Amino acid sequence: MNIYFKNQFNNLMVHLEKLKQKGVMSYDRNKLIEKISEIDIYTEKPFDELNLDFLFNYKIFPDNILISKNEWNLENREIRVGDTIVQQAFFPPIKNFSQKIIFGVRINEILNKENKKGFSYETIEGHAEKGISIFTVENETGKIKFKIHTFSEPGNFLSKIVGSLITIPYQKYCTKKALESVKEQIEKQ
Protein backbone atom coordinates (compact mmCIF):
# COMPACT_ATOMS: atom_id res chain seq x y z
CA MET A 1 0.00 0.00 0.00
CA ASN A 2 1.32 3.37 -1.05
CA ILE A 3 -0.38 6.66 -0.27
CA TYR A 4 -0.09 9.74 -2.49
CA PHE A 5 -1.64 13.20 -2.65
CA LYS A 6 -1.17 13.40 -6.42
CA ASN A 7 -3.26 11.30 -8.80
CA GLN A 8 -1.18 8.29 -9.90
CA PHE A 9 -3.20 7.50 -13.04
CA ASN A 10 -0.22 8.17 -15.33
CA ASN A 11 2.00 5.99 -13.10
CA LEU A 12 -0.33 3.01 -12.73
CA MET A 13 1.71 0.98 -15.23
CA VAL A 14 4.81 1.37 -13.06
CA HIS A 15 2.84 0.31 -9.99
CA LEU A 16 1.35 -2.64 -11.90
CA GLU A 17 4.79 -3.92 -12.90
CA LYS A 18 5.94 -3.79 -9.26
CA LEU A 19 2.79 -5.53 -8.02
CA LYS A 20 3.17 -8.34 -10.57
CA GLN A 21 6.37 -9.32 -8.73
CA LYS A 22 4.65 -9.58 -5.33
CA GLY A 23 2.76 -12.53 -3.94
CA VAL A 24 -0.74 -12.69 -2.59
CA MET A 25 -1.17 -12.23 1.15
CA SER A 26 -1.37 -15.46 3.11
CA TYR A 27 -4.64 -16.07 4.92
CA ASP A 28 -6.79 -18.78 6.42
CA ARG A 29 -10.19 -18.39 4.73
CA ASN A 30 -11.91 -20.00 7.73
CA LYS A 31 -10.65 -17.21 10.02
CA LEU A 32 -11.70 -14.32 7.79
CA ILE A 33 -14.91 -12.31 8.15
CA GLU A 34 -17.44 -13.29 5.49
CA LYS A 35 -19.78 -10.69 3.98
CA ILE A 36 -22.28 -11.03 1.15
CA SER A 37 -23.79 -7.93 -0.43
CA GLU A 38 -26.22 -8.16 -3.33
CA ILE A 39 -28.64 -6.14 -5.42
CA ASP A 40 -31.53 -7.17 -7.66
CA ILE A 41 -31.26 -6.25 -11.32
CA TYR A 42 -34.33 -5.60 -13.40
CA THR A 43 -33.94 -6.21 -17.11
CA GLU A 44 -35.99 -7.70 -19.92
CA LYS A 45 -32.88 -9.26 -21.42
CA PRO A 46 -32.32 -12.97 -20.88
CA PHE A 47 -29.34 -13.74 -18.66
CA ASP A 48 -27.33 -15.27 -21.49
CA GLU A 49 -27.73 -12.08 -23.58
CA LEU A 50 -26.36 -9.68 -20.96
CA ASN A 51 -23.19 -7.88 -21.98
CA LEU A 52 -20.87 -8.32 -19.00
CA ASP A 53 -17.72 -7.00 -20.68
CA PHE A 54 -17.63 -4.13 -18.17
CA LEU A 55 -17.57 -6.63 -15.30
CA PHE A 56 -14.73 -8.63 -16.82
CA ASN A 57 -12.87 -5.37 -17.45
CA TYR A 58 -13.19 -4.50 -13.76
CA LYS A 59 -15.44 -1.46 -14.29
CA ILE A 60 -17.34 -2.16 -11.08
CA PHE A 61 -16.65 0.86 -8.89
CA PRO A 62 -17.48 4.47 -9.79
CA ASP A 63 -14.39 6.46 -10.88
CA ASN A 64 -14.51 8.72 -7.82
CA ILE A 65 -13.94 5.65 -5.62
CA LEU A 66 -11.46 3.58 -7.59
CA ILE A 67 -9.63 3.51 -10.90
CA SER A 68 -7.46 0.65 -12.09
CA LYS A 69 -5.34 -0.93 -14.76
CA ASN A 70 -5.09 -4.63 -15.40
CA GLU A 71 -2.85 -6.99 -17.33
CA TRP A 72 -5.45 -8.35 -19.72
CA ASN A 73 -6.58 -4.96 -21.05
CA LEU A 74 -2.98 -3.85 -21.49
CA GLU A 75 -2.20 -7.05 -23.41
CA ASN A 76 -5.45 -6.83 -25.42
CA ARG A 77 -6.81 -10.21 -24.33
CA GLU A 78 -9.37 -11.77 -22.01
CA ILE A 79 -9.01 -12.05 -18.25
CA ARG A 80 -6.98 -15.05 -16.95
CA VAL A 81 -6.25 -16.59 -13.59
CA GLY A 82 -3.00 -15.05 -12.30
CA ASP A 83 -3.62 -11.60 -13.81
CA THR A 84 -2.83 -8.60 -11.63
CA ILE A 85 -4.91 -5.45 -11.16
CA VAL A 86 -3.45 -2.24 -9.76
CA GLN A 87 -6.08 -0.19 -7.94
CA GLN A 88 -6.00 3.48 -7.03
CA ALA A 89 -8.59 4.18 -4.34
CA PHE A 90 -9.66 7.71 -3.49
CA PHE A 91 -10.15 8.50 0.19
CA PRO A 92 -12.43 10.33 0.66
CA PRO A 93 -14.19 9.56 -2.67
CA ILE A 94 -13.37 12.91 -4.27
CA LYS A 95 -10.75 12.58 -7.01
CA ASN A 96 -9.04 15.95 -6.66
CA PHE A 97 -9.24 16.35 -2.88
CA SER A 98 -8.29 12.94 -1.55
CA GLN A 99 -5.48 10.65 -0.66
CA LYS A 100 -4.68 8.25 -3.46
CA ILE A 101 -4.02 4.76 -2.15
CA ILE A 102 -2.39 2.17 -4.41
CA PHE A 103 -3.13 -1.54 -3.86
CA GLY A 104 -2.93 -4.70 -5.90
CA VAL A 105 -5.06 -7.80 -6.34
CA ARG A 106 -4.62 -11.00 -8.35
CA ILE A 107 -7.29 -12.97 -10.20
CA ASN A 108 -7.63 -16.45 -8.72
CA GLU A 109 -10.84 -17.74 -10.36
CA ILE A 110 -13.02 -16.96 -13.37
CA LEU A 111 -16.64 -18.08 -13.23
CA ASN A 112 -18.38 -18.68 -16.54
CA LYS A 113 -21.30 -20.96 -15.73
CA GLU A 114 -24.75 -21.05 -17.29
CA ASN A 115 -26.33 -19.05 -14.45
CA LYS A 116 -23.29 -17.44 -12.79
CA LYS A 117 -20.60 -15.26 -14.33
CA GLY A 118 -17.81 -13.32 -12.69
CA PHE A 119 -14.42 -13.64 -11.07
CA SER A 120 -12.60 -13.53 -7.77
CA TYR A 121 -9.34 -12.04 -6.65
CA GLU A 122 -6.97 -12.21 -3.71
CA THR A 123 -5.17 -9.27 -2.19
CA ILE A 124 -1.47 -8.80 -2.91
CA GLU A 125 1.13 -8.12 -0.22
CA GLY A 126 0.74 -4.59 1.12
CA HIS A 127 -3.02 -4.31 0.58
CA ALA A 128 -5.09 -2.69 3.35
CA GLU A 129 -7.24 -5.84 3.47
CA LYS A 130 -6.24 -9.47 3.51
CA GLY A 131 -8.45 -11.99 1.75
CA ILE A 132 -10.60 -12.65 -1.26
CA SER A 133 -13.43 -10.88 -3.09
CA ILE A 134 -15.85 -12.57 -5.48
CA PHE A 135 -17.90 -10.54 -7.98
CA THR A 136 -20.74 -12.37 -9.74
CA VAL A 137 -23.84 -11.74 -11.78
CA GLU A 138 -26.23 -14.60 -11.14
CA ASN A 139 -29.54 -15.87 -12.43
CA GLU A 140 -31.38 -17.34 -9.44
CA THR A 141 -34.63 -18.87 -10.66
CA GLY A 142 -35.34 -16.06 -13.08
CA LYS A 143 -34.09 -13.24 -10.81
CA ILE A 144 -30.85 -11.59 -11.78
CA LYS A 145 -28.58 -10.41 -8.97
CA PHE A 146 -25.14 -8.88 -8.65
CA LYS A 147 -23.22 -10.17 -5.63
CA ILE A 148 -20.06 -9.13 -3.88
CA HIS A 149 -18.92 -11.93 -1.58
CA THR A 150 -15.87 -11.23 0.55
CA PHE A 151 -13.73 -13.03 3.09
CA SER A 152 -11.39 -10.49 4.66
CA GLU A 153 -9.69 -8.94 7.64
CA PRO A 154 -7.41 -5.94 8.08
CA GLY A 155 -4.21 -6.49 6.13
CA ASN A 156 -1.86 -4.32 8.16
CA PHE A 157 -1.42 -2.61 11.52
CA LEU A 158 -2.89 0.71 10.33
CA SER A 159 -6.02 -1.00 8.97
CA LYS A 160 -6.51 -2.76 12.31
CA ILE A 161 -6.25 0.50 14.26
CA VAL A 162 -8.60 2.57 12.10
CA GLY A 163 -10.84 -0.29 10.95
CA SER A 164 -13.98 0.30 12.97
CA LEU A 165 -13.81 4.07 12.63
CA ILE A 166 -12.77 4.53 9.01
CA THR A 167 -12.09 1.37 6.99
CA ILE A 168 -15.29 -0.57 7.70
CA PRO A 169 -17.71 2.35 7.08
CA TYR A 170 -15.79 3.29 3.92
CA GLN A 171 -15.92 -0.31 2.67
CA LYS A 172 -19.70 -0.37 3.21
CA TYR A 173 -20.03 2.86 1.24
CA CYS A 174 -17.84 1.58 -1.61
CA THR A 175 -19.69 -1.74 -1.74
CA LYS A 176 -23.06 0.03 -1.92
CA LYS A 177 -21.80 2.24 -4.76
CA ALA A 178 -20.35 -0.77 -6.63
CA LEU A 179 -23.67 -2.61 -6.38
CA GLU A 180 -25.51 0.44 -7.72
CA SER A 181 -22.96 0.93 -10.51
CA VAL A 182 -23.24 -2.63 -11.81
CA LYS A 183 -27.04 -2.54 -11.54
CA GLU A 184 -27.11 0.66 -13.62
CA GLN A 185 -24.69 -0.71 -16.24
CA ILE A 186 -26.80 -3.83 -16.76
CA GLU A 187 -30.21 -2.18 -16.61
CA LYS A 188 -29.33 0.41 -19.26
CA GLN A 189 -28.52 -2.30 -21.82
C-alpha atoms as a PDB file:
ATOM      1  CA  MET A   1       0.000   0.000   0.000  1.00  0.00           C
ATOM      2  CA  ASN A   2       1.325   3.365  -1.049  1.00  0.00           C
ATOM      3  CA  ILE A   3      -0.375   6.665  -0.266  1.00  0.00           C
ATOM      4  CA  TYR A   4      -0.094   9.744  -2.486  1.00  0.00           C
ATOM      5  CA  PHE A   5      -1.642  13.197  -2.647  1.00  0.00           C
ATOM      6  CA  LYS A   6      -1.170  13.403  -6.420  1.00  0.00           C
ATOM      7  CA  ASN A   7      -3.255  11.296  -8.801  1.00  0.00           C
ATOM      8  CA  GLN A   8      -1.182   8.286  -9.900  1.00  0.00           C
ATOM      9  CA  PHE A   9      -3.196   7.504 -13.040  1.00  0.00           C
ATOM     10  CA  ASN A  10      -0.216   8.171 -15.328  1.00  0.00           C
ATOM     11  CA  ASN A  11       1.999   5.994 -13.105  1.00  0.00           C
ATOM     12  CA  LEU A  12      -0.326   3.008 -12.726  1.00  0.00           C
ATOM     13  CA  MET A  13       1.710   0.977 -15.233  1.00  0.00           C
ATOM     14  CA  VAL A  14       4.812   1.371 -13.060  1.00  0.00           C
ATOM     15  CA  HIS A  15       2.843   0.312  -9.989  1.00  0.00           C
ATOM     16  CA  LEU A  16       1.349  -2.640 -11.902  1.00  0.00           C
ATOM     17  CA  GLU A  17       4.785  -3.919 -12.898  1.00  0.00           C
ATOM     18  CA  LYS A  18       5.940  -3.793  -9.257  1.00  0.00           C
ATOM     19  CA  LEU A  19       2.790  -5.532  -8.023  1.00  0.00           C
ATOM     20  CA  LYS A  20       3.168  -8.337 -10.574  1.00  0.00           C
ATOM     21  CA  GLN A  21       6.366  -9.319  -8.728  1.00  0.00           C
ATOM     22  CA  LYS A  22       4.646  -9.577  -5.332  1.00  0.00           C
ATOM     23  CA  GLY A  23       2.763 -12.530  -3.935  1.00  0.00           C
ATOM     24  CA  VAL A  24      -0.736 -12.695  -2.585  1.00  0.00           C
ATOM     25  CA  MET A  25      -1.169 -12.226   1.152  1.00  0.00           C
ATOM     26  CA  SER A  26      -1.374 -15.462   3.105  1.00  0.00           C
ATOM     27  CA  TYR A  27      -4.640 -16.069   4.919  1.00  0.00           C
ATOM     28  CA  ASP A  28      -6.794 -18.782   6.423  1.00  0.00           C
ATOM     29  CA  ARG A  29     -10.188 -18.389   4.734  1.00  0.00           C
ATOM     30  CA  ASN A  30     -11.911 -20.004   7.735  1.00  0.00           C
ATOM     31  CA  LYS A  31     -10.654 -17.214  10.017  1.00  0.00           C
ATOM     32  CA  LEU A  32     -11.698 -14.317   7.786  1.00  0.00           C
ATOM     33  CA  ILE A  33     -14.906 -12.307   8.152  1.00  0.00           C
ATOM     34  CA  GLU A  34     -17.443 -13.287   5.493  1.00  0.00           C
ATOM     35  CA  LYS A  35     -19.781 -10.695   3.976  1.00  0.00           C
ATOM     36  CA  ILE A  36     -22.281 -11.030   1.151  1.00  0.00           C
ATOM     37  CA  SER A  37     -23.790  -7.926  -0.430  1.00  0.00           C
ATOM     38  CA  GLU A  38     -26.218  -8.160  -3.327  1.00  0.00           C
ATOM     39  CA  ILE A  39     -28.635  -6.141  -5.415  1.00  0.00           C
ATOM     40  CA  ASP A  40     -31.528  -7.171  -7.659  1.00  0.00           C
ATOM     41  CA  ILE A  41     -31.256  -6.248 -11.319  1.00  0.00           C
ATOM     42  CA  TYR A  42     -34.328  -5.597 -13.402  1.00  0.00           C
ATOM     43  CA  THR A  43     -33.940  -6.214 -17.111  1.00  0.00           C
ATOM     44  CA  GLU A  44     -35.992  -7.705 -19.916  1.00  0.00           C
ATOM     45  CA  LYS A  45     -32.878  -9.265 -21.423  1.00  0.00           C
ATOM     46  CA  PRO A  46     -32.324 -12.968 -20.878  1.00  0.00           C
ATOM     47  CA  PHE A  47     -29.337 -13.737 -18.660  1.00  0.00           C
ATOM     48  CA  ASP A  48     -27.335 -15.268 -21.494  1.00  0.00           C
ATOM     49  CA  GLU A  49     -27.733 -12.080 -23.583  1.00  0.00           C
ATOM     50  CA  LEU A  50     -26.363  -9.680 -20.961  1.00  0.00           C
ATOM     51  CA  ASN A  51     -23.189  -7.884 -21.982  1.00  0.00           C
ATOM     52  CA  LEU A  52     -20.873  -8.321 -19.002  1.00  0.00           C
ATOM     53  CA  ASP A  53     -17.717  -6.998 -20.675  1.00  0.00           C
ATOM     54  CA  PHE A  54     -17.627  -4.125 -18.173  1.00  0.00           C
ATOM     55  CA  LEU A  55     -17.569  -6.630 -15.301  1.00  0.00           C
ATOM     56  CA  PHE A  56     -14.727  -8.633 -16.823  1.00  0.00           C
ATOM     57  CA  ASN A  57     -12.866  -5.370 -17.454  1.00  0.00           C
ATOM     58  CA  TYR A  58     -13.193  -4.500 -13.759  1.00  0.00           C
ATOM     59  CA  LYS A  59     -15.438  -1.464 -14.293  1.00  0.00           C
ATOM     60  CA  ILE A  60     -17.340  -2.159 -11.084  1.00  0.00           C
ATOM     61  CA  PHE A  61     -16.649   0.859  -8.890  1.00  0.00           C
ATOM     62  CA  PRO A  62     -17.480   4.471  -9.794  1.00  0.00           C
ATOM     63  CA  ASP A  63     -14.390   6.457 -10.880  1.00  0.00           C
ATOM     64  CA  ASN A  64     -14.506   8.720  -7.824  1.00  0.00           C
ATOM     65  CA  ILE A  65     -13.945   5.649  -5.619  1.00  0.00           C
ATOM     66  CA  LEU A  66     -11.460   3.576  -7.587  1.00  0.00           C
ATOM     67  CA  ILE A  67      -9.633   3.510 -10.901  1.00  0.00           C
ATOM     68  CA  SER A  68      -7.462   0.654 -12.087  1.00  0.00           C
ATOM     69  CA  LYS A  69      -5.338  -0.929 -14.764  1.00  0.00           C
ATOM     70  CA  ASN A  70      -5.089  -4.631 -15.397  1.00  0.00           C
ATOM     71  CA  GLU A  71      -2.846  -6.988 -17.327  1.00  0.00           C
ATOM     72  CA  TRP A  72      -5.451  -8.354 -19.722  1.00  0.00           C
ATOM     73  CA  ASN A  73      -6.584  -4.962 -21.050  1.00  0.00           C
ATOM     74  CA  LEU A  74      -2.980  -3.846 -21.494  1.00  0.00           C
ATOM     75  CA  GLU A  75      -2.200  -7.047 -23.408  1.00  0.00           C
ATOM     76  CA  ASN A  76      -5.446  -6.826 -25.418  1.00  0.00           C
ATOM     77  CA  ARG A  77      -6.806 -10.214 -24.333  1.00  0.00           C
ATOM     78  CA  GLU A  78      -9.370 -11.773 -22.010  1.00  0.00           C
ATOM     79  CA  ILE A  79      -9.005 -12.054 -18.248  1.00  0.00           C
ATOM     80  CA  ARG A  80      -6.984 -15.047 -16.945  1.00  0.00           C
ATOM     81  CA  VAL A  81      -6.247 -16.594 -13.589  1.00  0.00           C
ATOM     82  CA  GLY A  82      -3.002 -15.053 -12.302  1.00  0.00           C
ATOM     83  CA  ASP A  83      -3.615 -11.602 -13.809  1.00  0.00           C
ATOM     84  CA  THR A  84      -2.829  -8.602 -11.627  1.00  0.00           C
ATOM     85  CA  ILE A  85      -4.913  -5.453 -11.159  1.00  0.00           C
ATOM     86  CA  VAL A  86      -3.453  -2.243  -9.763  1.00  0.00           C
ATOM     87  CA  GLN A  87      -6.078  -0.189  -7.938  1.00  0.00           C
ATOM     88  CA  GLN A  88      -6.005   3.482  -7.026  1.00  0.00           C
ATOM     89  CA  ALA A  89      -8.589   4.179  -4.341  1.00  0.00           C
ATOM     90  CA  PHE A  90      -9.663   7.712  -3.490  1.00  0.00           C
ATOM     91  CA  PHE A  91     -10.154   8.498   0.188  1.00  0.00           C
ATOM     92  CA  PRO A  92     -12.432  10.331   0.665  1.00  0.00           C
ATOM     93  CA  PRO A  93     -14.190   9.561  -2.666  1.00  0.00           C
ATOM     94  CA  ILE A  94     -13.369  12.906  -4.271  1.00  0.00           C
ATOM     95  CA  LYS A  95     -10.755  12.575  -7.011  1.00  0.00           C
ATOM     96  CA  ASN A  96      -9.044  15.953  -6.657  1.00  0.00           C
ATOM     97  CA  PHE A  97      -9.239  16.350  -2.878  1.00  0.00           C
ATOM     98  CA  SER A  98      -8.286  12.944  -1.553  1.00  0.00           C
ATOM     99  CA  GLN A  99      -5.476  10.654  -0.662  1.00  0.00           C
ATOM    100  CA  LYS A 100      -4.681   8.249  -3.461  1.00  0.00           C
ATOM    101  CA  ILE A 101      -4.025   4.763  -2.152  1.00  0.00           C
ATOM    102  CA  ILE A 102      -2.386   2.166  -4.411  1.00  0.00           C
ATOM    103  CA  PHE A 103      -3.132  -1.544  -3.863  1.00  0.00           C
ATOM    104  CA  GLY A 104      -2.933  -4.698  -5.897  1.00  0.00           C
ATOM    105  CA  VAL A 105      -5.060  -7.796  -6.344  1.00  0.00           C
ATOM    106  CA  ARG A 106      -4.620 -11.001  -8.349  1.00  0.00           C
ATOM    107  CA  ILE A 107      -7.287 -12.967 -10.201  1.00  0.00           C
ATOM    108  CA  ASN A 108      -7.632 -16.449  -8.723  1.00  0.00           C
ATOM    109  CA  GLU A 109     -10.841 -17.738 -10.365  1.00  0.00           C
ATOM    110  CA  ILE A 110     -13.022 -16.956 -13.365  1.00  0.00           C
ATOM    111  CA  LEU A 111     -16.639 -18.080 -13.235  1.00  0.00           C
ATOM    112  CA  ASN A 112     -18.380 -18.676 -16.535  1.00  0.00           C
ATOM    113  CA  LYS A 113     -21.298 -20.956 -15.726  1.00  0.00           C
ATOM    114  CA  GLU A 114     -24.746 -21.048 -17.294  1.00  0.00           C
ATOM    115  CA  ASN A 115     -26.331 -19.048 -14.448  1.00  0.00           C
ATOM    116  CA  LYS A 116     -23.293 -17.440 -12.790  1.00  0.00           C
ATOM    117  CA  LYS A 117     -20.599 -15.258 -14.331  1.00  0.00           C
ATOM    118  CA  GLY A 118     -17.813 -13.318 -12.694  1.00  0.00           C
ATOM    119  CA  PHE A 119     -14.422 -13.643 -11.073  1.00  0.00           C
ATOM    120  CA  SER A 120     -12.600 -13.528  -7.767  1.00  0.00           C
ATOM    121  CA  TYR A 121      -9.338 -12.037  -6.651  1.00  0.00           C
ATOM    122  CA  GLU A 122      -6.973 -12.210  -3.708  1.00  0.00           C
ATOM    123  CA  THR A 123      -5.167  -9.269  -2.191  1.00  0.00           C
ATOM    124  CA  ILE A 124      -1.472  -8.797  -2.915  1.00  0.00           C
ATOM    125  CA  GLU A 125       1.128  -8.117  -0.219  1.00  0.00           C
ATOM    126  CA  GLY A 126       0.741  -4.589   1.121  1.00  0.00           C
ATOM    127  CA  HIS A 127      -3.017  -4.310   0.583  1.00  0.00           C
ATOM    128  CA  ALA A 128      -5.089  -2.691   3.350  1.00  0.00           C
ATOM    129  CA  GLU A 129      -7.241  -5.835   3.473  1.00  0.00           C
ATOM    130  CA  LYS A 130      -6.240  -9.475   3.515  1.00  0.00           C
ATOM    131  CA  GLY A 131      -8.453 -11.986   1.750  1.00  0.00           C
ATOM    132  CA  ILE A 132     -10.600 -12.653  -1.258  1.00  0.00           C
ATOM    133  CA  SER A 133     -13.432 -10.880  -3.085  1.00  0.00           C
ATOM    134  CA  ILE A 134     -15.852 -12.574  -5.475  1.00  0.00           C
ATOM    135  CA  PHE A 135     -17.900 -10.536  -7.979  1.00  0.00           C
ATOM    136  CA  THR A 136     -20.737 -12.368  -9.737  1.00  0.00           C
ATOM    137  CA  VAL A 137     -23.842 -11.739 -11.784  1.00  0.00           C
ATOM    138  CA  GLU A 138     -26.230 -14.604 -11.142  1.00  0.00           C
ATOM    139  CA  ASN A 139     -29.537 -15.875 -12.430  1.00  0.00           C
ATOM    140  CA  GLU A 140     -31.377 -17.340  -9.439  1.00  0.00           C
ATOM    141  CA  THR A 141     -34.633 -18.873 -10.662  1.00  0.00           C
ATOM    142  CA  GLY A 142     -35.340 -16.056 -13.080  1.00  0.00           C
ATOM    143  CA  LYS A 143     -34.095 -13.238 -10.807  1.00  0.00           C
ATOM    144  CA  ILE A 144     -30.845 -11.589 -11.777  1.00  0.00           C
ATOM    145  CA  LYS A 145     -28.582 -10.408  -8.966  1.00  0.00           C
ATOM    146  CA  PHE A 146     -25.144  -8.885  -8.650  1.00  0.00           C
ATOM    147  CA  LYS A 147     -23.223 -10.167  -5.625  1.00  0.00           C
ATOM    148  CA  ILE A 148     -20.056  -9.131  -3.875  1.00  0.00           C
ATOM    149  CA  HIS A 149     -18.922 -11.927  -1.579  1.00  0.00           C
ATOM    150  CA  THR A 150     -15.870 -11.232   0.555  1.00  0.00           C
ATOM    151  CA  PHE A 151     -13.729 -13.031   3.090  1.00  0.00           C
ATOM    152  CA  SER A 152     -11.391 -10.495   4.663  1.00  0.00           C
ATOM    153  CA  GLU A 153      -9.689  -8.940   7.641  1.00  0.00           C
ATOM    154  CA  PRO A 154      -7.408  -5.935   8.078  1.00  0.00           C
ATOM    155  CA  GLY A 155      -4.210  -6.486   6.132  1.00  0.00           C
ATOM    156  CA  ASN A 156      -1.865  -4.323   8.165  1.00  0.00           C
ATOM    157  CA  PHE A 157      -1.422  -2.608  11.515  1.00  0.00           C
ATOM    158  CA  LEU A 158      -2.886   0.711  10.332  1.00  0.00           C
ATOM    159  CA  SER A 159      -6.017  -1.001   8.970  1.00  0.00           C
ATOM    160  CA  LYS A 160      -6.512  -2.757  12.311  1.00  0.00           C
ATOM    161  CA  ILE A 161      -6.254   0.496  14.258  1.00  0.00           C
ATOM    162  CA  VAL A 162      -8.605   2.572  12.099  1.00  0.00           C
ATOM    163  CA  GLY A 163     -10.843  -0.286  10.949  1.00  0.00           C
ATOM    164  CA  SER A 164     -13.980   0.300  12.974  1.00  0.00           C
ATOM    165  CA  LEU A 165     -13.812   4.075  12.635  1.00  0.00           C
ATOM    166  CA  ILE A 166     -12.766   4.525   9.014  1.00  0.00           C
ATOM    167  CA  THR A 167     -12.087   1.374   6.993  1.00  0.00           C
ATOM    168  CA  ILE A 168     -15.293  -0.568   7.698  1.00  0.00           C
ATOM    169  CA  PRO A 169     -17.706   2.352   7.084  1.00  0.00           C
ATOM    170  CA  TYR A 170     -15.793   3.293   3.925  1.00  0.00           C
ATOM    171  CA  GLN A 171     -15.915  -0.309   2.665  1.00  0.00           C
ATOM    172  CA  LYS A 172     -19.696  -0.371   3.210  1.00  0.00           C
ATOM    173  CA  TYR A 173     -20.035   2.863   1.243  1.00  0.00           C
ATOM    174  CA  CYS A 174     -17.840   1.582  -1.611  1.00  0.00           C
ATOM    175  CA  THR A 175     -19.693  -1.743  -1.741  1.00  0.00           C
ATOM    176  CA  LYS A 176     -23.060   0.031  -1.923  1.00  0.00           C
ATOM    177  CA  LYS A 177     -21.803   2.239  -4.763  1.00  0.00           C
ATOM    178  CA  ALA A 178     -20.347  -0.769  -6.634  1.00  0.00           C
ATOM    179  CA  LEU A 179     -23.672  -2.612  -6.380  1.00  0.00           C
ATOM    180  CA  GLU A 180     -25.509   0.442  -7.720  1.00  0.00           C
ATOM    181  CA  SER A 181     -22.956   0.929 -10.515  1.00  0.00           C
ATOM    182  CA  VAL A 182     -23.239  -2.632 -11.806  1.00  0.00           C
ATOM    183  CA  LYS A 183     -27.041  -2.541 -11.543  1.00  0.00           C
ATOM    184  CA  GLU A 184     -27.109   0.656 -13.623  1.00  0.00           C
ATOM    185  CA  GLN A 185     -24.692  -0.714 -16.238  1.00  0.00           C
ATOM    186  CA  ILE A 186     -26.800  -3.832 -16.759  1.00  0.00           C
ATOM    187  CA  GLU A 187     -30.208  -2.181 -16.613  1.00  0.00           C
ATOM    188  CA  LYS A 188     -29.330   0.414 -19.261  1.00  0.00           C
ATOM    189  CA  GLN A 189     -28.517  -2.304 -21.823  1.00  0.00           C
END
